[in-house]
Amino acid sequence: MSDNVKRRDFLGMALGGVAAVGAVASLYAVKRTWDPLPSVESAGFTTVDLSGLQEGHLSTVEWRGKPVYILKKQSGSQKVEGRDFEVNGALYTVGIQICTHLGCIPGFDEKTQGFLCACHGGRFNASGVNQPGTPPPRPMEIPPFKIDGMKMVLGEEGAEYQALKKA
């Protein structure tokens, strides 16, 4: 009987040890799943220098894998409330250049100062507002941004972004 008890104790401890190792491995896997990928961490913020932008010319940058347009509007352009903001007296607009109808990337026409989605004829003005009677249901989205002097930091909410959200 004593030999049988020792064997049973050994099997119990071995099973307990394997279960403990499995539990630690499972917790490690869960923690790694919860951590953001390095590509997501590095793509969190994008800095753009606004001083090099010319009036009426579209500049496109990539932020978190999405195309973001930045446009220095021509002098004399009307300010669109909730869409445009001023930096050093110049009027700018920014948005995610993805059509809100089906997710296509609309092209920018410098002559008309507007966006045209070639897929289904969606039209947006220079500020990214959808034109009535075209397929897009809402304006292009505005990414969170912060103005720091003549630099725009995409991915961080600043005072200008908060003001656009309130309007």
Foldseek 3Di string as FASTA:
>chain_A
DVVVVVVVVVVVVVVVVVVVVVVVVVVVVVVVVPDDDPVCVVLQKDKDFQPPADALDWDWDAGPNFIKIKHFHDPPDDDDQLAWDDAPRTIMGMFGQFFQQPGAGWDADSVQQWTFRPPFGWIAHVSQATDPPGRGPGGGHGFAWADDRRMIMGNHHYPVNVRSVVD
